[in-house]
N, C-alpha and C. Protein backbone atom coordinates (compact mmCIF):
# COMPACT_ATOMS: atom_id res chain seq x y z
N MET A 1 1.43 1.34 40.22
CA MET A 1 0.27 0.88 39.50
C MET A 1 -0.47 -0.12 40.39
N ASN A 2 -1.71 -0.06 40.31
CA ASN A 2 -2.52 -0.97 41.11
C ASN A 2 -3.30 -1.89 40.17
N VAL A 3 -2.63 -2.86 39.62
CA VAL A 3 -3.26 -3.81 38.71
C VAL A 3 -3.82 -4.95 39.56
N PRO A 4 -5.10 -5.25 39.41
CA PRO A 4 -5.67 -6.34 40.20
C PRO A 4 -5.06 -7.69 39.80
N LEU A 5 -5.09 -8.60 40.74
CA LEU A 5 -4.52 -9.92 40.51
C LEU A 5 -5.17 -10.62 39.32
N TRP A 6 -6.48 -10.38 39.12
CA TRP A 6 -7.19 -11.03 38.01
C TRP A 6 -6.69 -10.53 36.64
N ALA A 7 -5.98 -9.42 36.62
CA ALA A 7 -5.38 -8.93 35.38
C ALA A 7 -3.88 -9.22 35.34
N ALA A 8 -3.23 -9.18 36.49
CA ALA A 8 -1.77 -9.39 36.54
C ALA A 8 -1.40 -10.83 36.16
N LEU A 9 -2.10 -11.80 36.70
CA LEU A 9 -1.76 -13.20 36.41
C LEU A 9 -1.93 -13.55 34.93
N PRO A 10 -3.06 -13.22 34.32
CA PRO A 10 -3.19 -13.56 32.88
C PRO A 10 -2.14 -12.88 32.00
N VAL A 11 -1.79 -11.64 32.29
CA VAL A 11 -0.81 -10.97 31.44
C VAL A 11 0.57 -11.61 31.62
N LEU A 12 0.90 -12.02 32.82
CA LEU A 12 2.18 -12.70 33.03
C LEU A 12 2.22 -14.05 32.31
N VAL A 13 1.11 -14.78 32.35
CA VAL A 13 1.04 -16.05 31.63
C VAL A 13 1.15 -15.79 30.13
N LEU A 14 0.44 -14.79 29.63
CA LEU A 14 0.46 -14.45 28.21
C LEU A 14 1.88 -14.12 27.73
N VAL A 15 2.55 -13.21 28.41
CA VAL A 15 3.86 -12.78 27.92
C VAL A 15 4.91 -13.88 28.12
N THR A 16 4.73 -14.72 29.13
CA THR A 16 5.66 -15.84 29.32
C THR A 16 5.51 -16.85 28.20
N LEU A 17 4.27 -17.22 27.86
CA LEU A 17 4.04 -18.15 26.75
C LEU A 17 4.52 -17.57 25.43
N ALA A 18 4.28 -16.28 25.23
CA ALA A 18 4.71 -15.64 23.99
C ALA A 18 6.24 -15.60 23.90
N ALA A 19 6.90 -15.29 25.02
CA ALA A 19 8.37 -15.27 25.01
C ALA A 19 8.93 -16.65 24.71
N ARG A 20 8.32 -17.65 25.30
CA ARG A 20 8.77 -19.03 25.04
C ARG A 20 8.63 -19.38 23.55
N ALA A 21 7.47 -19.04 22.98
CA ALA A 21 7.24 -19.32 21.56
C ALA A 21 8.20 -18.51 20.69
N ASP A 22 8.42 -17.25 21.04
CA ASP A 22 9.28 -16.38 20.24
C ASP A 22 10.74 -16.87 20.27
N VAL A 23 11.19 -17.31 21.43
CA VAL A 23 12.56 -17.82 21.53
C VAL A 23 12.71 -19.10 20.71
N ARG A 24 11.72 -19.98 20.78
CA ARG A 24 11.81 -21.27 20.08
C ARG A 24 11.60 -21.16 18.58
N THR A 25 10.61 -20.37 18.15
CA THR A 25 10.22 -20.37 16.74
C THR A 25 10.38 -19.03 16.04
N ARG A 26 10.68 -17.98 16.82
CA ARG A 26 10.74 -16.61 16.30
C ARG A 26 9.39 -16.14 15.79
N LYS A 27 8.33 -16.72 16.31
CA LYS A 27 6.96 -16.30 15.97
C LYS A 27 6.13 -16.29 17.24
N ILE A 28 5.19 -15.35 17.28
CA ILE A 28 4.22 -15.29 18.37
C ILE A 28 2.87 -15.62 17.73
N PRO A 29 2.28 -16.75 18.11
CA PRO A 29 1.07 -17.21 17.41
C PRO A 29 -0.14 -16.30 17.61
N ASN A 30 -0.89 -16.08 16.52
CA ASN A 30 -2.15 -15.35 16.60
C ASN A 30 -3.12 -16.06 17.53
N ALA A 31 -3.02 -17.38 17.60
CA ALA A 31 -3.90 -18.15 18.48
C ALA A 31 -3.67 -17.80 19.94
N LEU A 32 -2.57 -17.16 20.23
CA LEU A 32 -2.28 -16.71 21.60
C LEU A 32 -2.68 -15.24 21.78
N THR A 33 -2.32 -14.40 20.82
CA THR A 33 -2.52 -12.95 21.01
C THR A 33 -3.97 -12.50 20.83
N PHE A 34 -4.65 -12.98 19.81
CA PHE A 34 -6.02 -12.51 19.57
C PHE A 34 -6.99 -12.90 20.68
N PRO A 35 -7.03 -14.16 21.10
CA PRO A 35 -7.93 -14.49 22.22
C PRO A 35 -7.56 -13.73 23.50
N ALA A 36 -6.26 -13.55 23.75
CA ALA A 36 -5.83 -12.82 24.95
C ALA A 36 -6.32 -11.37 24.90
N LEU A 37 -6.20 -10.75 23.75
CA LEU A 37 -6.65 -9.38 23.59
C LEU A 37 -8.15 -9.26 23.83
N LEU A 38 -8.93 -10.12 23.19
CA LEU A 38 -10.38 -10.07 23.35
C LEU A 38 -10.80 -10.40 24.77
N LEU A 39 -10.14 -11.37 25.38
CA LEU A 39 -10.46 -11.74 26.75
C LEU A 39 -10.10 -10.62 27.73
N GLY A 40 -9.00 -9.94 27.48
CA GLY A 40 -8.64 -8.80 28.32
C GLY A 40 -9.69 -7.70 28.27
N LEU A 41 -10.14 -7.35 27.07
CA LEU A 41 -11.18 -6.33 26.93
C LEU A 41 -12.48 -6.78 27.60
N ALA A 42 -12.87 -8.04 27.35
CA ALA A 42 -14.13 -8.56 27.91
C ALA A 42 -14.08 -8.64 29.43
N THR A 43 -12.95 -9.05 29.96
CA THR A 43 -12.82 -9.16 31.41
C THR A 43 -12.89 -7.79 32.07
N HIS A 44 -12.24 -6.82 31.49
CA HIS A 44 -12.32 -5.46 32.04
C HIS A 44 -13.74 -4.91 31.95
N LEU A 45 -14.45 -5.23 30.89
CA LEU A 45 -15.84 -4.80 30.76
C LEU A 45 -16.70 -5.47 31.83
N ALA A 46 -16.52 -6.78 32.01
CA ALA A 46 -17.34 -7.53 32.97
C ALA A 46 -17.05 -7.12 34.41
N LEU A 47 -15.78 -6.89 34.73
CA LEU A 47 -15.42 -6.61 36.12
C LEU A 47 -15.28 -5.12 36.44
N GLY A 48 -15.06 -4.33 35.41
CA GLY A 48 -14.85 -2.89 35.65
C GLY A 48 -15.88 -2.01 34.99
N GLY A 49 -16.85 -2.61 34.32
CA GLY A 49 -17.87 -1.82 33.66
C GLY A 49 -17.31 -0.99 32.51
N ARG A 50 -18.05 0.07 32.21
CA ARG A 50 -17.68 0.94 31.10
C ARG A 50 -16.29 1.54 31.30
N ASP A 51 -16.01 2.03 32.51
CA ASP A 51 -14.70 2.64 32.79
C ASP A 51 -13.57 1.63 32.65
N GLY A 52 -13.79 0.41 33.12
CA GLY A 52 -12.78 -0.64 32.99
C GLY A 52 -12.52 -0.98 31.53
N PHE A 53 -13.60 -1.06 30.76
CA PHE A 53 -13.46 -1.36 29.34
C PHE A 53 -12.70 -0.25 28.62
N LEU A 54 -13.04 1.01 28.92
CA LEU A 54 -12.37 2.12 28.25
C LEU A 54 -10.88 2.19 28.63
N ALA A 55 -10.56 1.89 29.88
CA ALA A 55 -9.15 1.86 30.29
C ALA A 55 -8.41 0.74 29.58
N SER A 56 -9.07 -0.41 29.42
CA SER A 56 -8.48 -1.54 28.72
C SER A 56 -8.29 -1.21 27.24
N LEU A 57 -9.29 -0.60 26.64
CA LEU A 57 -9.21 -0.20 25.23
C LEU A 57 -8.09 0.82 25.02
N ALA A 58 -7.97 1.76 25.94
CA ALA A 58 -6.90 2.77 25.84
C ALA A 58 -5.53 2.11 26.00
N GLY A 59 -5.41 1.19 26.94
CA GLY A 59 -4.13 0.48 27.13
C GLY A 59 -3.75 -0.31 25.90
N MET A 60 -4.73 -1.00 25.33
CA MET A 60 -4.50 -1.78 24.11
C MET A 60 -4.05 -0.88 22.97
N SER A 61 -4.75 0.23 22.80
CA SER A 61 -4.46 1.13 21.69
C SER A 61 -3.09 1.78 21.80
N VAL A 62 -2.79 2.33 22.96
CA VAL A 62 -1.51 3.01 23.14
C VAL A 62 -0.35 2.02 22.98
N ALA A 63 -0.45 0.88 23.64
CA ALA A 63 0.64 -0.10 23.61
C ALA A 63 0.84 -0.67 22.20
N GLY A 64 -0.25 -0.97 21.52
CA GLY A 64 -0.14 -1.56 20.19
C GLY A 64 0.28 -0.56 19.12
N VAL A 65 -0.35 0.59 19.12
CA VAL A 65 -0.09 1.59 18.08
C VAL A 65 1.35 2.11 18.16
N ALA A 66 1.90 2.19 19.36
CA ALA A 66 3.26 2.71 19.52
C ALA A 66 4.31 1.84 18.83
N LEU A 67 4.02 0.55 18.65
CA LEU A 67 4.99 -0.34 18.01
C LEU A 67 4.81 -0.46 16.50
N ILE A 68 3.75 0.10 15.96
CA ILE A 68 3.50 -0.02 14.51
C ILE A 68 4.64 0.57 13.67
N PRO A 69 5.20 1.72 14.02
CA PRO A 69 6.33 2.20 13.21
C PRO A 69 7.50 1.21 13.15
N GLY A 70 7.78 0.54 14.25
CA GLY A 70 8.84 -0.47 14.26
C GLY A 70 8.53 -1.63 13.34
N TRP A 71 7.27 -2.00 13.27
CA TRP A 71 6.84 -3.07 12.36
C TRP A 71 6.94 -2.58 10.91
N LEU A 72 6.49 -1.36 10.66
CA LEU A 72 6.56 -0.81 9.30
C LEU A 72 8.00 -0.69 8.81
N MET A 73 8.92 -0.40 9.73
CA MET A 73 10.33 -0.31 9.37
C MET A 73 11.00 -1.69 9.35
N ARG A 74 10.25 -2.72 9.66
CA ARG A 74 10.72 -4.11 9.70
C ARG A 74 11.77 -4.36 10.77
N TRP A 75 11.67 -3.60 11.87
CA TRP A 75 12.55 -3.81 13.00
C TRP A 75 11.98 -4.88 13.92
N MET A 76 10.69 -5.16 13.78
CA MET A 76 10.03 -6.16 14.62
C MET A 76 8.90 -6.78 13.81
N GLY A 77 8.41 -7.90 14.30
CA GLY A 77 7.34 -8.59 13.61
C GLY A 77 5.97 -8.11 14.08
N ALA A 78 4.95 -8.47 13.32
CA ALA A 78 3.59 -8.10 13.67
C ALA A 78 3.15 -8.77 14.97
N GLY A 79 3.70 -9.94 15.25
CA GLY A 79 3.37 -10.63 16.50
C GLY A 79 3.77 -9.83 17.72
N ASP A 80 4.88 -9.10 17.62
CA ASP A 80 5.32 -8.25 18.72
C ASP A 80 4.30 -7.13 18.99
N VAL A 81 3.79 -6.55 17.91
CA VAL A 81 2.79 -5.49 18.02
C VAL A 81 1.52 -6.05 18.65
N LYS A 82 1.07 -7.20 18.16
CA LYS A 82 -0.17 -7.80 18.69
C LYS A 82 0.01 -8.23 20.14
N LEU A 83 1.18 -8.73 20.50
CA LEU A 83 1.44 -9.11 21.88
C LEU A 83 1.38 -7.89 22.79
N MET A 84 2.00 -6.80 22.39
CA MET A 84 2.00 -5.59 23.22
C MET A 84 0.58 -5.05 23.35
N ALA A 85 -0.21 -5.13 22.29
CA ALA A 85 -1.61 -4.67 22.35
C ALA A 85 -2.41 -5.54 23.32
N ALA A 86 -2.21 -6.85 23.26
CA ALA A 86 -2.94 -7.76 24.15
C ALA A 86 -2.52 -7.52 25.60
N ALA A 87 -1.24 -7.34 25.84
CA ALA A 87 -0.76 -7.05 27.20
C ALA A 87 -1.35 -5.72 27.67
N GLY A 88 -1.41 -4.75 26.78
CA GLY A 88 -2.00 -3.45 27.11
C GLY A 88 -3.47 -3.56 27.47
N ALA A 89 -4.18 -4.45 26.79
CA ALA A 89 -5.60 -4.66 27.10
C ALA A 89 -5.76 -5.21 28.51
N TRP A 90 -4.89 -6.12 28.92
CA TRP A 90 -4.96 -6.69 30.26
C TRP A 90 -4.51 -5.69 31.32
N LEU A 91 -3.43 -4.96 31.05
CA LEU A 91 -2.88 -4.04 32.04
C LEU A 91 -3.70 -2.76 32.16
N ALA A 92 -4.34 -2.36 31.06
CA ALA A 92 -5.17 -1.15 30.99
C ALA A 92 -4.33 0.11 31.16
N PHE A 93 -4.93 1.21 30.84
CA PHE A 93 -4.29 2.51 30.96
C PHE A 93 -4.37 2.94 32.41
N PRO A 94 -3.34 3.45 33.02
CA PRO A 94 -2.06 3.91 32.51
C PRO A 94 -0.94 2.87 32.63
N CYS A 95 -1.20 1.73 33.27
CA CYS A 95 -0.14 0.74 33.48
C CYS A 95 0.42 0.23 32.14
N ALA A 96 -0.42 0.17 31.11
CA ALA A 96 0.04 -0.29 29.80
C ALA A 96 1.12 0.63 29.25
N VAL A 97 1.04 1.91 29.54
CA VAL A 97 2.06 2.87 29.07
C VAL A 97 3.40 2.57 29.75
N ILE A 98 3.35 2.29 31.05
CA ILE A 98 4.58 1.95 31.78
C ILE A 98 5.17 0.66 31.20
N ALA A 99 4.31 -0.32 30.94
CA ALA A 99 4.78 -1.59 30.37
C ALA A 99 5.40 -1.36 28.99
N LEU A 100 4.79 -0.53 28.18
CA LEU A 100 5.33 -0.21 26.85
C LEU A 100 6.71 0.43 26.96
N LEU A 101 6.83 1.45 27.78
CA LEU A 101 8.11 2.14 27.92
C LEU A 101 9.18 1.21 28.49
N ALA A 102 8.81 0.42 29.49
CA ALA A 102 9.77 -0.53 30.08
C ALA A 102 10.17 -1.59 29.06
N SER A 103 9.23 -2.01 28.21
CA SER A 103 9.54 -2.99 27.16
C SER A 103 10.52 -2.41 26.14
N LEU A 104 10.33 -1.16 25.79
CA LEU A 104 11.25 -0.52 24.84
C LEU A 104 12.65 -0.37 25.43
N VAL A 105 12.72 -0.02 26.71
CA VAL A 105 14.02 0.07 27.37
C VAL A 105 14.68 -1.31 27.43
N ALA A 106 13.89 -2.33 27.81
CA ALA A 106 14.42 -3.70 27.86
C ALA A 106 14.87 -4.15 26.48
N GLY A 107 14.09 -3.80 25.45
CA GLY A 107 14.46 -4.15 24.08
C GLY A 107 15.77 -3.50 23.67
N GLY A 108 15.98 -2.25 24.07
CA GLY A 108 17.24 -1.58 23.78
C GLY A 108 18.41 -2.25 24.48
N ALA A 109 18.20 -2.66 25.72
CA ALA A 109 19.26 -3.34 26.47
C ALA A 109 19.59 -4.69 25.84
N ILE A 110 18.55 -5.44 25.46
CA ILE A 110 18.78 -6.74 24.81
C ILE A 110 19.50 -6.53 23.48
N ALA A 111 19.07 -5.54 22.72
CA ALA A 111 19.71 -5.26 21.43
C ALA A 111 21.19 -4.92 21.62
N ALA A 112 21.50 -4.15 22.66
CA ALA A 112 22.90 -3.79 22.92
C ALA A 112 23.72 -5.03 23.26
N VAL A 113 23.16 -5.91 24.08
CA VAL A 113 23.88 -7.14 24.44
C VAL A 113 24.10 -8.02 23.21
N VAL A 114 23.07 -8.15 22.39
CA VAL A 114 23.19 -8.97 21.17
C VAL A 114 24.23 -8.36 20.23
N ALA A 115 24.20 -7.05 20.08
CA ALA A 115 25.17 -6.38 19.21
C ALA A 115 26.60 -6.54 19.74
N LEU A 116 26.77 -6.45 21.05
CA LEU A 116 28.10 -6.67 21.63
C LEU A 116 28.58 -8.09 21.39
N ARG A 117 27.69 -9.06 21.60
CA ARG A 117 28.08 -10.46 21.41
C ARG A 117 28.43 -10.77 19.96
N ARG A 118 27.76 -10.08 19.03
CA ARG A 118 28.03 -10.32 17.61
C ARG A 118 29.08 -9.36 17.05
N ARG A 119 29.64 -8.56 17.92
CA ARG A 119 30.72 -7.63 17.58
C ARG A 119 30.32 -6.59 16.53
N VAL A 120 29.10 -6.11 16.63
CA VAL A 120 28.64 -5.06 15.72
C VAL A 120 28.04 -3.88 16.51
N PHE A 121 28.45 -3.74 17.76
CA PHE A 121 27.87 -2.71 18.62
C PHE A 121 28.04 -1.32 18.03
N TRP A 122 29.27 -0.96 17.64
CA TRP A 122 29.50 0.40 17.12
C TRP A 122 28.80 0.62 15.79
N LEU A 123 28.72 -0.41 14.98
CA LEU A 123 27.95 -0.30 13.73
C LEU A 123 26.47 -0.07 14.04
N ALA A 124 25.95 -0.77 15.05
CA ALA A 124 24.55 -0.59 15.46
C ALA A 124 24.30 0.83 15.97
N ILE A 125 25.26 1.37 16.73
CA ILE A 125 25.14 2.75 17.23
C ILE A 125 25.14 3.74 16.06
N GLN A 126 26.04 3.54 15.10
CA GLN A 126 26.09 4.41 13.93
C GLN A 126 24.79 4.33 13.14
N ASN A 127 24.31 3.12 12.93
CA ASN A 127 23.06 2.94 12.18
C ASN A 127 21.88 3.56 12.91
N ALA A 128 21.85 3.47 14.24
CA ALA A 128 20.77 4.09 15.01
C ALA A 128 20.81 5.61 14.84
N ALA A 129 22.00 6.19 14.86
CA ALA A 129 22.14 7.64 14.66
C ALA A 129 21.70 8.03 13.25
N LEU A 130 22.13 7.27 12.26
CA LEU A 130 21.72 7.55 10.87
C LEU A 130 20.22 7.42 10.70
N THR A 131 19.64 6.40 11.31
CA THR A 131 18.19 6.20 11.21
C THR A 131 17.45 7.34 11.88
N GLY A 132 17.94 7.80 13.03
CA GLY A 132 17.33 8.94 13.71
C GLY A 132 17.38 10.18 12.84
N ALA A 133 18.52 10.44 12.25
CA ALA A 133 18.65 11.61 11.38
C ALA A 133 17.76 11.46 10.15
N TRP A 134 17.73 10.26 9.59
CA TRP A 134 16.88 10.01 8.42
C TRP A 134 15.42 10.25 8.75
N SER A 135 14.97 9.79 9.93
CA SER A 135 13.55 9.96 10.28
C SER A 135 13.18 11.42 10.45
N LEU A 136 14.14 12.25 10.86
CA LEU A 136 13.86 13.68 11.01
C LEU A 136 13.81 14.39 9.67
N THR A 137 14.55 13.91 8.68
CA THR A 137 14.58 14.57 7.37
C THR A 137 13.70 13.86 6.35
N ARG A 138 13.06 12.79 6.74
CA ARG A 138 12.27 11.99 5.81
C ARG A 138 11.13 12.77 5.17
N ALA A 139 10.57 13.72 5.88
CA ALA A 139 9.45 14.49 5.34
C ALA A 139 9.86 15.25 4.08
N ALA A 140 11.13 15.52 3.95
CA ALA A 140 11.60 16.25 2.78
C ALA A 140 11.72 15.35 1.55
N GLY A 141 11.38 14.07 1.70
CA GLY A 141 11.43 13.14 0.57
C GLY A 141 12.84 12.74 0.23
N ALA A 142 13.68 12.63 1.23
CA ALA A 142 15.09 12.32 1.02
C ALA A 142 15.30 10.85 0.65
N ALA A 143 16.45 10.37 0.91
CA ALA A 143 16.89 9.02 0.54
C ALA A 143 16.12 7.94 1.29
N PRO A 144 16.25 6.70 0.84
CA PRO A 144 15.61 5.59 1.56
C PRO A 144 16.25 5.38 2.93
N ALA A 145 15.57 4.59 3.76
CA ALA A 145 16.05 4.35 5.11
C ALA A 145 17.43 3.71 5.10
N PRO A 146 18.27 4.05 6.07
CA PRO A 146 19.59 3.44 6.16
C PRO A 146 19.49 1.94 6.42
N VAL A 147 20.51 1.24 6.02
CA VAL A 147 20.57 -0.21 6.24
C VAL A 147 20.91 -0.47 7.69
N THR A 148 20.26 -1.46 8.30
CA THR A 148 20.57 -1.82 9.68
C THR A 148 21.49 -3.04 9.69
N THR A 149 21.89 -3.46 10.88
CA THR A 149 22.77 -4.62 11.00
C THR A 149 22.04 -5.91 10.63
N GLY A 150 20.72 -5.90 10.68
CA GLY A 150 19.95 -7.09 10.35
C GLY A 150 19.86 -8.09 11.48
N ILE A 151 20.43 -7.78 12.61
CA ILE A 151 20.38 -8.68 13.76
C ILE A 151 19.00 -8.61 14.39
N ARG A 152 18.43 -9.76 14.64
CA ARG A 152 17.11 -9.84 15.27
C ARG A 152 17.21 -10.62 16.56
N PHE A 153 16.26 -10.34 17.45
CA PHE A 153 16.15 -11.10 18.68
C PHE A 153 14.67 -11.19 19.04
N PRO A 154 14.29 -12.14 19.87
CA PRO A 154 12.88 -12.30 20.23
C PRO A 154 12.41 -11.16 21.15
N PHE A 155 11.69 -10.20 20.56
CA PHE A 155 11.26 -9.02 21.30
C PHE A 155 10.26 -9.37 22.41
N ALA A 156 9.63 -10.54 22.33
CA ALA A 156 8.70 -10.93 23.39
C ALA A 156 9.42 -11.01 24.74
N LEU A 157 10.73 -11.26 24.72
CA LEU A 157 11.49 -11.23 25.97
C LEU A 157 11.47 -9.83 26.59
N ALA A 158 11.57 -8.82 25.74
CA ALA A 158 11.51 -7.44 26.22
C ALA A 158 10.12 -7.11 26.75
N VAL A 159 9.09 -7.63 26.09
CA VAL A 159 7.72 -7.40 26.55
C VAL A 159 7.50 -8.09 27.90
N LEU A 160 8.04 -9.28 28.06
CA LEU A 160 7.96 -9.97 29.35
C LEU A 160 8.62 -9.14 30.44
N ALA A 161 9.81 -8.64 30.16
CA ALA A 161 10.51 -7.81 31.14
C ALA A 161 9.74 -6.52 31.43
N GLY A 162 9.22 -5.89 30.38
CA GLY A 162 8.49 -4.63 30.55
C GLY A 162 7.21 -4.79 31.33
N CYS A 163 6.46 -5.84 31.06
CA CYS A 163 5.21 -6.07 31.79
C CYS A 163 5.49 -6.42 33.24
N THR A 164 6.53 -7.21 33.47
CA THR A 164 6.91 -7.56 34.84
C THR A 164 7.30 -6.31 35.61
N MET A 165 8.08 -5.44 34.98
CA MET A 165 8.49 -4.20 35.62
C MET A 165 7.28 -3.31 35.92
N ALA A 166 6.36 -3.21 34.98
CA ALA A 166 5.18 -2.38 35.19
C ALA A 166 4.32 -2.89 36.35
N LEU A 167 4.25 -4.21 36.50
CA LEU A 167 3.48 -4.77 37.61
C LEU A 167 4.21 -4.61 38.95
N TRP A 168 5.50 -4.57 38.89
CA TRP A 168 6.31 -4.44 40.10
C TRP A 168 6.33 -3.00 40.62
N LEU A 169 6.35 -2.03 39.73
CA LEU A 169 6.43 -0.63 40.13
C LEU A 169 5.12 -0.18 40.78
N LYS A 170 5.26 0.62 41.80
CA LYS A 170 4.10 1.24 42.45
C LYS A 170 4.29 2.75 42.40
N PRO A 171 3.19 3.50 42.16
CA PRO A 171 3.34 4.96 42.08
C PRO A 171 3.70 5.59 43.41
């Protein structure tokens, strides 16, 4: 990915501040995500014209929309979705897709470590399998979603790792 420095630095500052806030308070402030999102779109418009703006808008949309099901299932907070959308606006398409995928992988790794530390790893694996099966049969109007372990962790750490990885990778 060839993300210009004027986009790489702000996104790293954004996700670092968000991770710090998420670790300390378990919340990512709207005062951080909304201005970052708007500034990312505006900066791409100013420096990249119409094409830059559209790439930023696509990055924001793909990165943010992909996390909405997790928010609807209450696996993550709305701040995580807004943070990923803001990061996507700065990284733009296609780098935002790499950041999203890397963030999901990092989130899975963090979740595995947390589950191991809390001694519920195998229960988490079983619940993930049940949830996967449930999501495939849900259209038939079956039972409610399976119960999860309820363990939470600051997903902004995964977004920080994912964005860093996306900036580090070169095609």
